[in-house]
Full PDB file with SEQRES, HELIX, SHEET, SSBOND, CRYST1, ORIGX, SCALE, CONECT and MASTER records, all heavy atoms in Angstrom:
SEQRES   1 A   37  HIS VAL ALA GLY PHE ALA LEU GLY ALA ALA THR ALA LEU          
SEQRES   2 A   37  MET GLY GLU LYS ALA ALA PHE ALA CYS THR VAL ALA VAL          
SEQRES   3 A   37  GLU SER VAL ILE ASP GLU HIS TYR ALA ALA GLN                  
HELIX    1 AA1 VAL A    2  LEU A   13  1                                  12    
HELIX    2 AA2 GLU A   16  ALA A   36  1                                  21    
CRYST1    1.000    1.000    1.000  90.00  90.00  90.00 P 1           1          
ORIGX1      1.000000  0.000000  0.000000        0.00000                         
ORIGX2      0.000000  1.000000  0.000000        0.00000                         
ORIGX3      0.000000  0.000000  1.000000        0.00000                         
SCALE1      1.000000  0.000000  0.000000        0.00000                         
SCALE2      0.000000  1.000000  0.000000        0.00000                         
SCALE3      0.000000  0.000000  1.000000        0.00000                         
ATOM      1  N   HIS A   1      61.464 196.833  21.725  1.00  0.00           N  
ATOM      2  CA  HIS A   1      60.781 197.920  22.447  1.00  0.00           C  
ATOM      3  C   HIS A   1      61.527 199.238  22.240  1.00  0.00           C  
ATOM      4  O   HIS A   1      60.928 200.260  21.906  1.00  0.00           O  
ATOM      5  CB  HIS A   1      60.713 197.565  23.941  1.00  0.00           C  
ATOM      6  CG  HIS A   1      60.013 198.578  24.769  1.00  0.00           C  
ATOM      7  ND1 HIS A   1      58.632 198.630  24.863  1.00  0.00           N  
ATOM      8  CD2 HIS A   1      60.476 199.595  25.531  1.00  0.00           C  
ATOM      9  CE1 HIS A   1      58.285 199.632  25.650  1.00  0.00           C  
ATOM     10  NE2 HIS A   1      59.387 200.235  26.071  1.00  0.00           N  
ATOM     11  N   VAL A   2      62.837 199.204  22.425  1.00  0.00           N  
ATOM     12  CA  VAL A   2      63.659 200.407  22.304  1.00  0.00           C  
ATOM     13  C   VAL A   2      63.898 200.761  20.837  1.00  0.00           C  
ATOM     14  O   VAL A   2      63.732 201.919  20.429  1.00  0.00           O  
ATOM     15  CB  VAL A   2      65.009 200.219  23.050  1.00  0.00           C  
ATOM     16  CG1 VAL A   2      65.937 201.388  22.800  1.00  0.00           C  
ATOM     17  CG2 VAL A   2      64.762 200.020  24.533  1.00  0.00           C  
ATOM     18  N   ALA A   3      64.284 199.770  20.044  1.00  0.00           N  
ATOM     19  CA  ALA A   3      64.639 200.032  18.644  1.00  0.00           C  
ATOM     20  C   ALA A   3      63.439 200.531  17.835  1.00  0.00           C  
ATOM     21  O   ALA A   3      63.578 201.439  17.011  1.00  0.00           O  
ATOM     22  CB  ALA A   3      65.215 198.776  18.005  1.00  0.00           C  
ATOM     23  N   GLY A   4      62.267 199.955  18.069  1.00  0.00           N  
ATOM     24  CA  GLY A   4      61.077 200.392  17.350  1.00  0.00           C  
ATOM     25  C   GLY A   4      60.753 201.848  17.643  1.00  0.00           C  
ATOM     26  O   GLY A   4      60.526 202.648  16.728  1.00  0.00           O  
ATOM     27  N   PHE A   5      60.746 202.203  18.921  1.00  0.00           N  
ATOM     28  CA  PHE A   5      60.453 203.591  19.304  1.00  0.00           C  
ATOM     29  C   PHE A   5      61.496 204.533  18.715  1.00  0.00           C  
ATOM     30  O   PHE A   5      61.161 205.588  18.169  1.00  0.00           O  
ATOM     31  CB  PHE A   5      60.406 203.735  20.827  1.00  0.00           C  
ATOM     32  CG  PHE A   5      59.918 205.072  21.280  1.00  0.00           C  
ATOM     33  CD1 PHE A   5      58.572 205.292  21.509  1.00  0.00           C  
ATOM     34  CD2 PHE A   5      60.800 206.135  21.467  1.00  0.00           C  
ATOM     35  CE1 PHE A   5      58.109 206.539  21.928  1.00  0.00           C  
ATOM     36  CE2 PHE A   5      60.357 207.378  21.876  1.00  0.00           C  
ATOM     37  CZ  PHE A   5      58.998 207.577  22.101  1.00  0.00           C  
ATOM     38  N   ALA A   6      62.770 204.149  18.820  1.00  0.00           N  
ATOM     39  CA  ALA A   6      63.853 205.000  18.308  1.00  0.00           C  
ATOM     40  C   ALA A   6      63.723 205.210  16.799  1.00  0.00           C  
ATOM     41  O   ALA A   6      63.904 206.328  16.305  1.00  0.00           O  
ATOM     42  CB  ALA A   6      65.210 204.389  18.643  1.00  0.00           C  
ATOM     43  N   LEU A   7      63.403 204.145  16.064  1.00  0.00           N  
ATOM     44  CA  LEU A   7      63.232 204.273  14.618  1.00  0.00           C  
ATOM     45  C   LEU A   7      62.071 205.199  14.292  1.00  0.00           C  
ATOM     46  O   LEU A   7      62.190 206.085  13.440  1.00  0.00           O  
ATOM     47  CB  LEU A   7      63.010 202.898  13.980  1.00  0.00           C  
ATOM     48  CG  LEU A   7      62.767 202.891  12.470  1.00  0.00           C  
ATOM     49  CD1 LEU A   7      63.949 203.492  11.715  1.00  0.00           C  
ATOM     50  CD2 LEU A   7      62.476 201.464  12.002  1.00  0.00           C  
ATOM     51  N   GLY A   8      60.965 205.040  14.982  1.00  0.00           N  
ATOM     52  CA  GLY A   8      59.816 205.905  14.738  1.00  0.00           C  
ATOM     53  C   GLY A   8      60.106 207.361  15.060  1.00  0.00           C  
ATOM     54  O   GLY A   8      59.808 208.260  14.270  1.00  0.00           O  
ATOM     55  N   ALA A   9      60.715 207.589  16.212  1.00  0.00           N  
ATOM     56  CA  ALA A   9      61.019 208.966  16.609  1.00  0.00           C  
ATOM     57  C   ALA A   9      62.054 209.596  15.677  1.00  0.00           C  
ATOM     58  O   ALA A   9      61.909 210.757  15.263  1.00  0.00           O  
ATOM     59  CB  ALA A   9      61.510 208.991  18.060  1.00  0.00           C  
ATOM     60  N   ALA A  10      63.078 208.831  15.335  1.00  0.00           N  
ATOM     61  CA  ALA A  10      64.143 209.369  14.473  1.00  0.00           C  
ATOM     62  C   ALA A  10      63.604 209.742  13.101  1.00  0.00           C  
ATOM     63  O   ALA A  10      63.930 210.815  12.571  1.00  0.00           O  
ATOM     64  CB  ALA A  10      65.278 208.366  14.339  1.00  0.00           C  
ATOM     65  N   THR A  11      62.784 208.892  12.519  1.00  0.00           N  
ATOM     66  CA  THR A  11      62.252 209.221  11.192  1.00  0.00           C  
ATOM     67  C   THR A  11      61.279 210.391  11.271  1.00  0.00           C  
ATOM     68  O   THR A  11      61.273 211.245  10.386  1.00  0.00           O  
ATOM     69  CB  THR A  11      61.605 207.992  10.510  1.00  0.00           C  
ATOM     70  OG1 THR A  11      60.592 207.440  11.351  1.00  0.00           O  
ATOM     71  CG2 THR A  11      62.665 206.945  10.193  1.00  0.00           C  
ATOM     72  N   ALA A  12      60.506 210.467  12.330  1.00  0.00           N  
ATOM     73  CA  ALA A  12      59.582 211.602  12.481  1.00  0.00           C  
ATOM     74  C   ALA A  12      60.353 212.909  12.697  1.00  0.00           C  
ATOM     75  O   ALA A  12      59.926 213.965  12.229  1.00  0.00           O  
ATOM     76  CB  ALA A  12      58.610 211.354  13.626  1.00  0.00           C  
ATOM     77  N   LEU A  13      61.493 212.834  13.393  1.00  0.00           N  
ATOM     78  CA  LEU A  13      62.325 214.026  13.570  1.00  0.00           C  
ATOM     79  C   LEU A  13      62.868 214.527  12.234  1.00  0.00           C  
ATOM     80  O   LEU A  13      63.140 215.715  12.071  1.00  0.00           O  
ATOM     81  CB  LEU A  13      63.479 213.749  14.532  1.00  0.00           C  
ATOM     82  CG  LEU A  13      63.109 213.713  16.009  1.00  0.00           C  
ATOM     83  CD1 LEU A  13      64.261 213.139  16.837  1.00  0.00           C  
ATOM     84  CD2 LEU A  13      62.714 215.101  16.502  1.00  0.00           C  
ATOM     85  N   MET A  14      63.016 213.622  11.270  1.00  0.00           N  
ATOM     86  CA  MET A  14      63.466 213.997   9.932  1.00  0.00           C  
ATOM     87  C   MET A  14      62.337 214.643   9.125  1.00  0.00           C  
ATOM     88  O   MET A  14      62.588 215.197   8.061  1.00  0.00           O  
ATOM     89  CB  MET A  14      63.972 212.761   9.182  1.00  0.00           C  
ATOM     90  CG  MET A  14      65.234 212.165   9.765  1.00  0.00           C  
ATOM     91  SD  MET A  14      65.652 210.580   8.994  1.00  0.00           S  
ATOM     92  CE  MET A  14      65.944 211.073   7.291  1.00  0.00           C  
ATOM     93  N   GLY A  15      61.112 214.551   9.631  1.00  0.00           N  
ATOM     94  CA  GLY A  15      59.963 215.147   8.962  1.00  0.00           C  
ATOM     95  C   GLY A  15      58.878 214.117   8.680  1.00  0.00           C  
ATOM     96  O   GLY A  15      59.109 212.910   8.715  1.00  0.00           O  
ATOM     97  N   GLU A  16      57.685 214.634   8.403  1.00  0.00           N  
ATOM     98  CA  GLU A  16      56.540 213.752   8.141  1.00  0.00           C  
ATOM     99  C   GLU A  16      56.805 212.780   7.001  1.00  0.00           C  
ATOM    100  O   GLU A  16      56.459 211.600   7.079  1.00  0.00           O  
ATOM    101  CB  GLU A  16      55.304 214.582   7.782  1.00  0.00           C  
ATOM    102  CG  GLU A  16      54.662 215.283   8.927  1.00  0.00           C  
ATOM    103  CD  GLU A  16      53.483 216.131   8.476  1.00  0.00           C  
ATOM    104  OE1 GLU A  16      52.804 215.747   7.493  1.00  0.00           O  
ATOM    105  OE2 GLU A  16      53.251 217.177   9.102  1.00  0.00           O  
ATOM    106  N   LYS A  17      57.408 213.281   5.932  1.00  0.00           N  
ATOM    107  CA  LYS A  17      57.636 212.421   4.769  1.00  0.00           C  
ATOM    108  C   LYS A  17      58.598 211.289   5.114  1.00  0.00           C  
ATOM    109  O   LYS A  17      58.432 210.160   4.644  1.00  0.00           O  
ATOM    110  CB  LYS A  17      58.124 213.236   3.578  1.00  0.00           C  
ATOM    111  CG  LYS A  17      57.024 214.141   3.059  1.00  0.00           C  
ATOM    112  CD  LYS A  17      57.436 214.972   1.891  1.00  0.00           C  
ATOM    113  CE  LYS A  17      56.249 215.873   1.550  1.00  0.00           C  
ATOM    114  NZ  LYS A  17      56.317 216.495   0.294  1.00  0.00           N  
ATOM    115  N   ALA A  18      59.575 211.551   5.952  1.00  0.00           N  
ATOM    116  CA  ALA A  18      60.496 210.500   6.381  1.00  0.00           C  
ATOM    117  C   ALA A  18      59.779 209.485   7.268  1.00  0.00           C  
ATOM    118  O   ALA A  18      60.051 208.280   7.179  1.00  0.00           O  
ATOM    119  CB  ALA A  18      61.691 211.101   7.113  1.00  0.00           C  
ATOM    120  N   ALA A  19      58.878 209.957   8.121  1.00  0.00           N  
ATOM    121  CA  ALA A  19      58.094 209.032   8.944  1.00  0.00           C  
ATOM    122  C   ALA A  19      57.275 208.106   8.042  1.00  0.00           C  
ATOM    123  O   ALA A  19      57.224 206.891   8.262  1.00  0.00           O  
ATOM    124  CB  ALA A  19      57.185 209.803   9.896  1.00  0.00           C  
ATOM    125  N   PHE A  20      56.658 208.680   7.011  1.00  0.00           N  
ATOM    126  CA  PHE A  20      55.878 207.857   6.095  1.00  0.00           C  
ATOM    127  C   PHE A  20      56.787 206.973   5.235  1.00  0.00           C  
ATOM    128  O   PHE A  20      56.404 205.858   4.869  1.00  0.00           O  
ATOM    129  CB  PHE A  20      54.948 208.724   5.252  1.00  0.00           C  
ATOM    130  CG  PHE A  20      53.786 209.275   6.033  1.00  0.00           C  
ATOM    131  CD1 PHE A  20      53.619 210.642   6.199  1.00  0.00           C  
ATOM    132  CD2 PHE A  20      52.868 208.429   6.622  1.00  0.00           C  
ATOM    133  CE1 PHE A  20      52.560 211.154   6.933  1.00  0.00           C  
ATOM    134  CE2 PHE A  20      51.797 208.921   7.368  1.00  0.00           C  
ATOM    135  CZ  PHE A  20      51.638 210.287   7.523  1.00  0.00           C  
ATOM    136  N   ALA A  21      57.988 207.428   4.937  1.00  0.00           N  
ATOM    137  CA  ALA A  21      58.947 206.601   4.199  1.00  0.00           C  
ATOM    138  C   ALA A  21      59.323 205.372   5.024  1.00  0.00           C  
ATOM    139  O   ALA A  21      59.495 204.277   4.476  1.00  0.00           O  
ATOM    140  CB  ALA A  21      60.192 207.417   3.853  1.00  0.00           C  
ATOM    141  N   CYS A  22      59.448 205.542   6.320  1.00  0.00           N  
ATOM    142  CA  CYS A  22      59.721 204.425   7.215  1.00  0.00           C  
ATOM    143  C   CYS A  22      58.610 203.384   7.100  1.00  0.00           C  
ATOM    144  O   CYS A  22      58.878 202.188   6.962  1.00  0.00           O  
ATOM    145  CB  CYS A  22      59.853 204.932   8.651  1.00  0.00           C  
ATOM    146  SG  CYS A  22      60.061 203.645   9.892  1.00  0.00           S  
ATOM    147  N   THR A  23      57.372 203.852   7.119  1.00  0.00           N  
ATOM    148  CA  THR A  23      56.233 202.939   7.014  1.00  0.00           C  
ATOM    149  C   THR A  23      56.240 202.208   5.678  1.00  0.00           C  
ATOM    150  O   THR A  23      56.026 201.001   5.619  1.00  0.00           O  
ATOM    151  CB  THR A  23      54.907 203.696   7.229  1.00  0.00           C  
ATOM    152  OG1 THR A  23      54.913 204.255   8.547  1.00  0.00           O  
ATOM    153  CG2 THR A  23      53.709 202.786   7.065  1.00  0.00           C  
ATOM    154  N   VAL A  24      56.502 202.928   4.597  1.00  0.00           N  
ATOM    155  CA  VAL A  24      56.549 202.289   3.277  1.00  0.00           C  
ATOM    156  C   VAL A  24      57.598 201.178   3.270  1.00  0.00           C  
ATOM    157  O   VAL A  24      57.333 200.061   2.793  1.00  0.00           O  
ATOM    158  CB  VAL A  24      56.836 203.329   2.166  1.00  0.00           C  
ATOM    159  CG1 VAL A  24      57.187 202.639   0.850  1.00  0.00           C  
ATOM    160  CG2 VAL A  24      55.639 204.247   1.975  1.00  0.00           C  
ATOM    161  N   ALA A  25      58.768 201.457   3.792  1.00  0.00           N  
ATOM    162  CA  ALA A  25      59.852 200.468   3.789  1.00  0.00           C  
ATOM    163  C   ALA A  25      59.490 199.243   4.631  1.00  0.00           C  
ATOM    164  O   ALA A  25      59.650 198.103   4.186  1.00  0.00           O  
ATOM    165  CB  ALA A  25      61.145 201.114   4.290  1.00  0.00           C  
ATOM    166  N   VAL A  26      59.009 199.489   5.841  1.00  0.00           N  
ATOM    167  CA  VAL A  26      58.651 198.370   6.723  1.00  0.00           C  
ATOM    168  C   VAL A  26      57.548 197.535   6.080  1.00  0.00           C  
ATOM    169  O   VAL A  26      57.636 196.304   6.032  1.00  0.00           O  
ATOM    170  CB  VAL A  26      58.209 198.880   8.113  1.00  0.00           C  
ATOM    171  CG1 VAL A  26      57.587 197.757   8.933  1.00  0.00           C  
ATOM    172  CG2 VAL A  26      59.382 199.502   8.860  1.00  0.00           C  
ATOM    173  N   GLU A  27      56.520 198.196   5.578  1.00  0.00           N  
ATOM    174  CA  GLU A  27      55.383 197.452   5.026  1.00  0.00           C  
ATOM    175  C   GLU A  27      55.747 196.701   3.749  1.00  0.00           C  
ATOM    176  O   GLU A  27      55.163 195.657   3.467  1.00  0.00           O  
ATOM    177  CB  GLU A  27      54.181 198.371   4.794  1.00  0.00           C  
ATOM    178  CG  GLU A  27      53.670 199.072   6.033  1.00  0.00           C  
ATOM    179  CD  GLU A  27      53.196 198.172   7.172  1.00  0.00           C  
ATOM    180  OE1 GLU A  27      53.440 196.944   7.157  1.00  0.00           O  
ATOM    181  OE2 GLU A  27      52.576 198.696   8.096  1.00  0.00           O  
ATOM    182  N   SER A  28      56.711 197.185   2.994  1.00  0.00           N  
ATOM    183  CA  SER A  28      57.185 196.445   1.814  1.00  0.00           C  
ATOM    184  C   SER A  28      57.775 195.102   2.232  1.00  0.00           C  
ATOM    185  O   SER A  28      57.503 194.069   1.619  1.00  0.00           O  
ATOM    186  CB  SER A  28      58.243 197.247   1.058  1.00  0.00           C  
ATOM    187  OG  SER A  28      57.695 198.406   0.516  1.00  0.00           O  
ATOM    188  N   VAL A  29      58.568 195.131   3.292  1.00  0.00           N  
ATOM    189  CA  VAL A  29      59.179 193.905   3.793  1.00  0.00           C  
ATOM    190  C   VAL A  29      58.118 192.986   4.400  1.00  0.00           C  
ATOM    191  O   VAL A  29      58.140 191.765   4.178  1.00  0.00           O  
ATOM    192  CB  VAL A  29      60.288 194.233   4.819  1.00  0.00           C  
ATOM    193  CG1 VAL A  29      60.810 192.975   5.510  1.00  0.00           C  
ATOM    194  CG2 VAL A  29      61.423 194.986   4.144  1.00  0.00           C  
ATOM    195  N   ILE A  30      57.174 193.560   5.135  1.00  0.00           N  
ATOM    196  CA  ILE A  30      56.136 192.748   5.768  1.00  0.00           C  
ATOM    197  C   ILE A  30      55.262 192.077   4.719  1.00  0.00           C  
ATOM    198  O   ILE A  30      54.851 190.923   4.884  1.00  0.00           O  
ATOM    199  CB  ILE A  30      55.288 193.598   6.740  1.00  0.00           C  
ATOM    200  CG1 ILE A  30      56.164 194.108   7.888  1.00  0.00           C  
ATOM    201  CG2 ILE A  30      54.095 192.816   7.277  1.00  0.00           C  
ATOM    202  CD1 ILE A  30      56.937 193.048   8.631  1.00  0.00           C  
ATOM    203  N   ASP A  31      54.979 192.769   3.627  1.00  0.00           N  
ATOM    204  CA  ASP A  31      54.190 192.168   2.558  1.00  0.00           C  
ATOM    205  C   ASP A  31      54.881 190.911   2.029  1.00  0.00           C  
ATOM    206  O   ASP A  31      54.253 189.853   1.891  1.00  0.00           O  
ATOM    207  CB  ASP A  31      53.964 193.178   1.431  1.00  0.00           C  
ATOM    208  CG  ASP A  31      53.092 192.612   0.330  1.00  0.00           C  
ATOM    209  OD1 ASP A  31      51.919 192.297   0.598  1.00  0.00           O  
ATOM    210  OD2 ASP A  31      53.596 192.466  -0.801  1.00  0.00           O  
ATOM    211  N   GLU A  32      56.174 191.003   1.766  1.00  0.00           N  
ATOM    212  CA  GLU A  32      56.947 189.837   1.303  1.00  0.00           C  
ATOM    213  C   GLU A  32      56.939 188.728   2.354  1.00  0.00           C  
ATOM    214  O   GLU A  32      56.783 187.545   2.028  1.00  0.00           O  
ATOM    215  CB  GLU A  32      58.396 190.239   1.033  1.00  0.00           C  
ATOM    216  CG  GLU A  32      58.604 191.228  -0.081  1.00  0.00           C  
ATOM    217  CD  GLU A  32      60.017 191.820  -0.080  1.00  0.00           C  
ATOM    218  OE1 GLU A  32      60.867 191.408   0.750  1.00  0.00           O  
ATOM    219  OE2 GLU A  32      60.263 192.712  -0.918  1.00  0.00           O  
ATOM    220  N   HIS A  33      57.116 189.118   3.600  1.00  0.00           N  
ATOM    221  CA  HIS A  33      57.183 188.170   4.709  1.00  0.00           C  
ATOM    222  C   HIS A  33      55.866 187.407   4.863  1.00  0.00           C  
ATOM    223  O   HIS A  33      55.851 186.179   4.943  1.00  0.00           O  
ATOM    224  CB  HIS A  33      57.528 188.941   5.993  1.00  0.00           C  
ATOM    225  CG  HIS A  33      57.401 188.147   7.243  1.00  0.00           C  
ATOM    226  ND1 HIS A  33      58.276 187.143   7.582  1.00  0.00           N  
ATOM    227  CD2 HIS A  33      56.482 188.216   8.238  1.00  0.00           C  
ATOM    228  CE1 HIS A  33      57.907 186.623   8.744  1.00  0.00           C  
ATOM    229  NE2 HIS A  33      56.833 187.258   9.153  1.00  0.00           N  
ATOM    230  N   TYR A  34      54.754 188.133   4.891  1.00  0.00           N  
ATOM    231  CA  TYR A  34      53.446 187.484   5.028  1.00  0.00           C  
ATOM    232  C   TYR A  34      53.136 186.612   3.814  1.00  0.00           C  
ATOM    233  O   TYR A  34      52.561 185.532   3.956  1.00  0.00           O  
ATOM    234  CB  TYR A  34      52.343 188.523   5.237  1.00  0.00           C  
ATOM    235  CG  TYR A  34      52.164 188.987   6.672  1.00  0.00           C  
ATOM    236  CD1 TYR A  34      51.547 190.197   6.943  1.00  0.00           C  
ATOM    237  CD2 TYR A  34      52.581 188.222   7.751  1.00  0.00           C  
ATOM    238  CE1 TYR A  34      51.345 190.637   8.253  1.00  0.00           C  
ATOM    239  CE2 TYR A  34      52.392 188.658   9.056  1.00  0.00           C  
ATOM    240  CZ  TYR A  34      51.770 189.855   9.302  1.00  0.00           C  
ATOM    241  OH  TYR A  34      51.567 190.275  10.590  1.00  0.00           O  
ATOM    242  N   ALA A  35      53.501 187.052   2.615  1.00  0.00           N  
ATOM    243  CA  ALA A  35      53.262 186.246   1.413  1.00  0.00           C  
ATOM    244  C   ALA A  35      54.027 184.922   1.506  1.00  0.00           C  
ATOM    245  O   ALA A  35      53.489 183.858   1.173  1.00  0.00           O  
ATOM    246  CB  ALA A  35      53.677 187.021   0.160  1.00  0.00           C  
ATOM    247  N   ALA A  36      55.269 184.973   1.961  1.00  0.00           N  
ATOM    248  CA  ALA A  36      56.068 183.748   2.104  1.00  0.00           C  
ATOM    249  C   ALA A  36      55.464 182.817   3.149  1.00  0.00           C  
ATOM    250  O   ALA A  36      55.435 181.590   2.968  1.00  0.00           O  
ATOM    251  CB  ALA A  36      57.508 184.106   2.470  1.00  0.00           C  
ATOM    252  N   GLN A  37      54.962 183.387   4.233  1.00  0.00           N  
ATOM    253  CA  GLN A  37      54.322 182.558   5.259  1.00  0.00           C  
ATOM    254  C   GLN A  37      53.077 181.866   4.708  1.00  0.00           C  
ATOM    255  O   GLN A  37      52.867 180.682   4.951  1.00  0.00           O  
ATOM    256  CB  GLN A  37      53.940 183.403   6.479  1.00  0.00           C  
ATOM    257  CG  GLN A  37      55.096 183.754   7.357  1.00  0.00           C  
ATOM    258  CD  GLN A  37      54.647 184.462   8.616  1.00  0.00           C  
ATOM    259  OE1 GLN A  37      53.580 185.068   8.675  1.00  0.00           O  
ATOM    260  NE2 GLN A  37      55.479 184.396   9.640  1.00  0.00           N  
TER     261      GLN A  37                                                      
MASTER        0    0    0    2    0    0    0    6  260    1    0    3          
END                                                                             
């Protein structure tokens, strides 16, 4: 709950591109994770 919000806010504070970079990174890992499942 805390870590997710902090990560989102921190990356957005770095700028829009950093917020979207966060999404790219998370979704890359999730793609691998779901494929393995």
